[in-house]
Amino acid sequence: MRPITSQRTSSEKSELKYLGVCRGDPNNVDVPAATKKGVVVIRTPGRNANAVAELTIGMIFTVLRWIVEADDDIRAGRWVIDGRIRSSVILDAS
């Protein structure tokens, strides 16, 4: 994505009023230039925290259950249960 600079916000034709940044820090936005033009810069820190946690848990299951390797076998026409599928996972909460 190209940075939002003073040249992009100061166009005579620009009707830009709000600029939403979908990350914690608007590091690719020239906030002073946008503010000078009257453009409100809105940021959304933490908006994807739940999705990151869900992805992490999903990746843990993917590794523990050998999902990628099983997918490779199925796509290659093999249905092999050769000990790669772990029957249980013991999580010690102590």
C-alpha atoms as a PDB file:
ATOM      1  CA  MET A   1       0.000   0.000   0.000  1.00  0.00           C
ATOM      2  CA  ARG A   2       1.305   3.426  -0.892  1.00  0.00           C
ATOM      3  CA  PRO A   3       1.845   5.767   2.041  1.00  0.00           C
ATOM      4  CA  ILE A   4      -0.814   8.428   2.618  1.00  0.00           C
ATOM      5  CA  THR A   5       1.180  11.636   2.253  1.00  0.00           C
ATOM      6  CA  SER A   6       0.397  15.345   2.092  1.00  0.00           C
ATOM      7  CA  GLN A   7       0.275  15.166  -1.722  1.00  0.00           C
ATOM      8  CA  ARG A   8      -2.466  12.514  -1.597  1.00  0.00           C
ATOM      9  CA  THR A   9      -4.552  14.318   1.038  1.00  0.00           C
ATOM     10  CA  SER A  10      -4.185  17.873  -0.266  1.00  0.00           C
ATOM     11  CA  SER A  11      -5.664  17.354  -3.715  1.00  0.00           C
ATOM     12  CA  GLU A  12      -8.185  20.031  -4.692  1.00  0.00           C
ATOM     13  CA  LYS A  13     -10.620  17.279  -5.740  1.00  0.00           C
ATOM     14  CA  SER A  14     -10.206  15.281  -2.553  1.00  0.00           C
ATOM     15  CA  GLU A  15     -13.398  14.811  -0.549  1.00  0.00           C
ATOM     16  CA  LEU A  16     -11.611  12.675   2.004  1.00  0.00           C
ATOM     17  CA  LYS A  17     -12.951  13.281   5.513  1.00  0.00           C
ATOM     18  CA  TYR A  18     -11.932  10.155   7.429  1.00  0.00           C
ATOM     19  CA  LEU A  19      -9.033   7.784   7.066  1.00  0.00           C
ATOM     20  CA  GLY A  20      -9.296   4.458   8.905  1.00  0.00           C
ATOM     21  CA  VAL A  21      -6.111   2.563   9.639  1.00  0.00           C
ATOM     22  CA  CYS A  22      -6.647  -1.118  10.382  1.00  0.00           C
ATOM     23  CA  ARG A  23      -3.608  -1.561  12.596  1.00  0.00           C
ATOM     24  CA  GLY A  24      -2.284  -0.223  15.844  1.00  0.00           C
ATOM     25  CA  ASP A  25       0.007   2.458  14.462  1.00  0.00           C
ATOM     26  CA  PRO A  26      -0.694   4.599  11.385  1.00  0.00           C
ATOM     27  CA  ASN A  27       2.988   4.557  10.393  1.00  0.00           C
ATOM     28  CA  ASN A  28       2.255   4.901   6.658  1.00  0.00           C
ATOM     29  CA  VAL A  29       0.012   7.956   7.102  1.00  0.00           C
ATOM     30  CA  ASP A  30       1.265  11.527   7.309  1.00  0.00           C
ATOM     31  CA  VAL A  31      -1.007  12.341  10.260  1.00  0.00           C
ATOM     32  CA  PRO A  32       0.017  16.024  10.578  1.00  0.00           C
ATOM     33  CA  ALA A  33      -0.702  16.616   6.871  1.00  0.00           C
ATOM     34  CA  ALA A  34      -4.044  14.819   7.104  1.00  0.00           C
ATOM     35  CA  THR A  35      -5.006  16.769  10.233  1.00  0.00           C
ATOM     36  CA  LYS A  36      -4.028  20.058   8.557  1.00  0.00           C
ATOM     37  CA  LYS A  37      -6.320  19.174   5.645  1.00  0.00           C
ATOM     38  CA  GLY A  38      -9.158  18.372   8.082  1.00  0.00           C
ATOM     39  CA  VAL A  39      -8.987  14.608   7.588  1.00  0.00           C
ATOM     40  CA  VAL A  40      -9.654  12.627  10.756  1.00  0.00           C
ATOM     41  CA  VAL A  41      -7.295   9.653  11.109  1.00  0.00           C
ATOM     42  CA  ILE A  42      -8.924   6.763  12.955  1.00  0.00           C
ATOM     43  CA  ARG A  43      -6.894   3.800  14.136  1.00  0.00           C
ATOM     44  CA  THR A  44      -8.140   0.488  15.459  1.00  0.00           C
ATOM     45  CA  PRO A  45      -5.549  -1.049  17.770  1.00  0.00           C
ATOM     46  CA  GLY A  46      -6.325  -4.549  18.942  1.00  0.00           C
ATOM     47  CA  ARG A  47      -9.275  -5.037  16.598  1.00  0.00           C
ATOM     48  CA  ASN A  48      -7.930  -8.368  15.399  1.00  0.00           C
ATOM     49  CA  ALA A  49      -6.712  -9.727  18.750  1.00  0.00           C
ATOM     50  CA  ASN A  50      -9.374 -12.453  18.817  1.00  0.00           C
ATOM     51  CA  ALA A  51      -8.541 -13.538  15.283  1.00  0.00           C
ATOM     52  CA  VAL A  52      -4.843 -13.767  16.138  1.00  0.00           C
ATOM     53  CA  ALA A  53      -5.603 -15.919  19.188  1.00  0.00           C
ATOM     54  CA  GLU A  54      -7.897 -18.176  17.140  1.00  0.00           C
ATOM     55  CA  LEU A  55      -5.275 -18.551  14.411  1.00  0.00           C
ATOM     56  CA  THR A  56      -2.648 -19.456  17.017  1.00  0.00           C
ATOM     57  CA  ILE A  57      -4.837 -22.181  18.511  1.00  0.00           C
ATOM     58  CA  GLY A  58      -5.666 -23.454  15.026  1.00  0.00           C
ATOM     59  CA  MET A  59      -1.984 -23.623  14.095  1.00  0.00           C
ATOM     60  CA  ILE A  60      -1.231 -25.538  17.293  1.00  0.00           C
ATOM     61  CA  PHE A  61      -3.869 -28.129  16.358  1.00  0.00           C
ATOM     62  CA  THR A  62      -2.501 -28.236  12.800  1.00  0.00           C
ATOM     63  CA  VAL A  63       0.949 -29.152  14.071  1.00  0.00           C
ATOM     64  CA  LEU A  64      -0.244 -31.600  16.731  1.00  0.00           C
ATOM     65  CA  ARG A  65      -2.556 -33.447  14.321  1.00  0.00           C
ATOM     66  CA  TRP A  66      -0.200 -33.446  11.289  1.00  0.00           C
ATOM     67  CA  ILE A  67      -2.885 -31.737   9.158  1.00  0.00           C
ATOM     68  CA  VAL A  68      -0.545 -30.526   6.408  1.00  0.00           C
ATOM     69  CA  GLU A  69       1.095 -33.926   5.975  1.00  0.00           C
ATOM     70  CA  ALA A  70      -2.296 -35.679   5.911  1.00  0.00           C
ATOM     71  CA  ASP A  71      -3.530 -33.192   3.301  1.00  0.00           C
ATOM     72  CA  ASP A  72      -0.454 -33.888   1.172  1.00  0.00           C
ATOM     73  CA  ASP A  73      -1.137 -37.645   1.393  1.00  0.00           C
ATOM     74  CA  ILE A  74      -4.796 -37.269   0.420  1.00  0.00           C
ATOM     75  CA  ARG A  75      -3.973 -34.976  -2.514  1.00  0.00           C
ATOM     76  CA  ALA A  76      -1.390 -37.515  -3.704  1.00  0.00           C
ATOM     77  CA  GLY A  77      -4.028 -40.257  -3.648  1.00  0.00           C
ATOM     78  CA  ARG A  78      -2.806 -41.900  -0.451  1.00  0.00           C
ATOM     79  CA  TRP A  79      -4.865 -42.501   2.644  1.00  0.00           C
ATOM     80  CA  VAL A  80      -2.163 -43.600   5.018  1.00  0.00           C
ATOM     81  CA  ILE A  81      -2.426 -43.864   8.757  1.00  0.00           C
ATOM     82  CA  ASP A  82       1.159 -44.556   9.640  1.00  0.00           C
ATOM     83  CA  GLY A  83       1.447 -43.306  13.180  1.00  0.00           C
ATOM     84  CA  ARG A  84       1.595 -39.643  12.270  1.00  0.00           C
ATOM     85  CA  ILE A  85      -1.863 -39.012  13.678  1.00  0.00           C
ATOM     86  CA  ARG A  86      -1.473 -38.655  17.378  1.00  0.00           C
ATOM     87  CA  SER A  87      -4.333 -40.166  19.309  1.00  0.00           C
ATOM     88  CA  SER A  88      -4.266 -37.758  22.225  1.00  0.00           C
ATOM     89  CA  VAL A  89      -2.637 -34.637  23.508  1.00  0.00           C
ATOM     90  CA  ILE A  90      -1.941 -34.236  27.172  1.00  0.00           C
ATOM     91  CA  LEU A  91      -1.896 -30.667  28.399  1.00  0.00           C
ATOM     92  CA  ASP A  92      -0.621 -30.211  31.920  1.00  0.00           C
ATOM     93  CA  ALA A  93      -2.184 -27.107  33.493  1.00  0.00           C
ATOM     94  CA  SER A  94      -0.080 -27.257  36.631  1.00  0.00           C
END
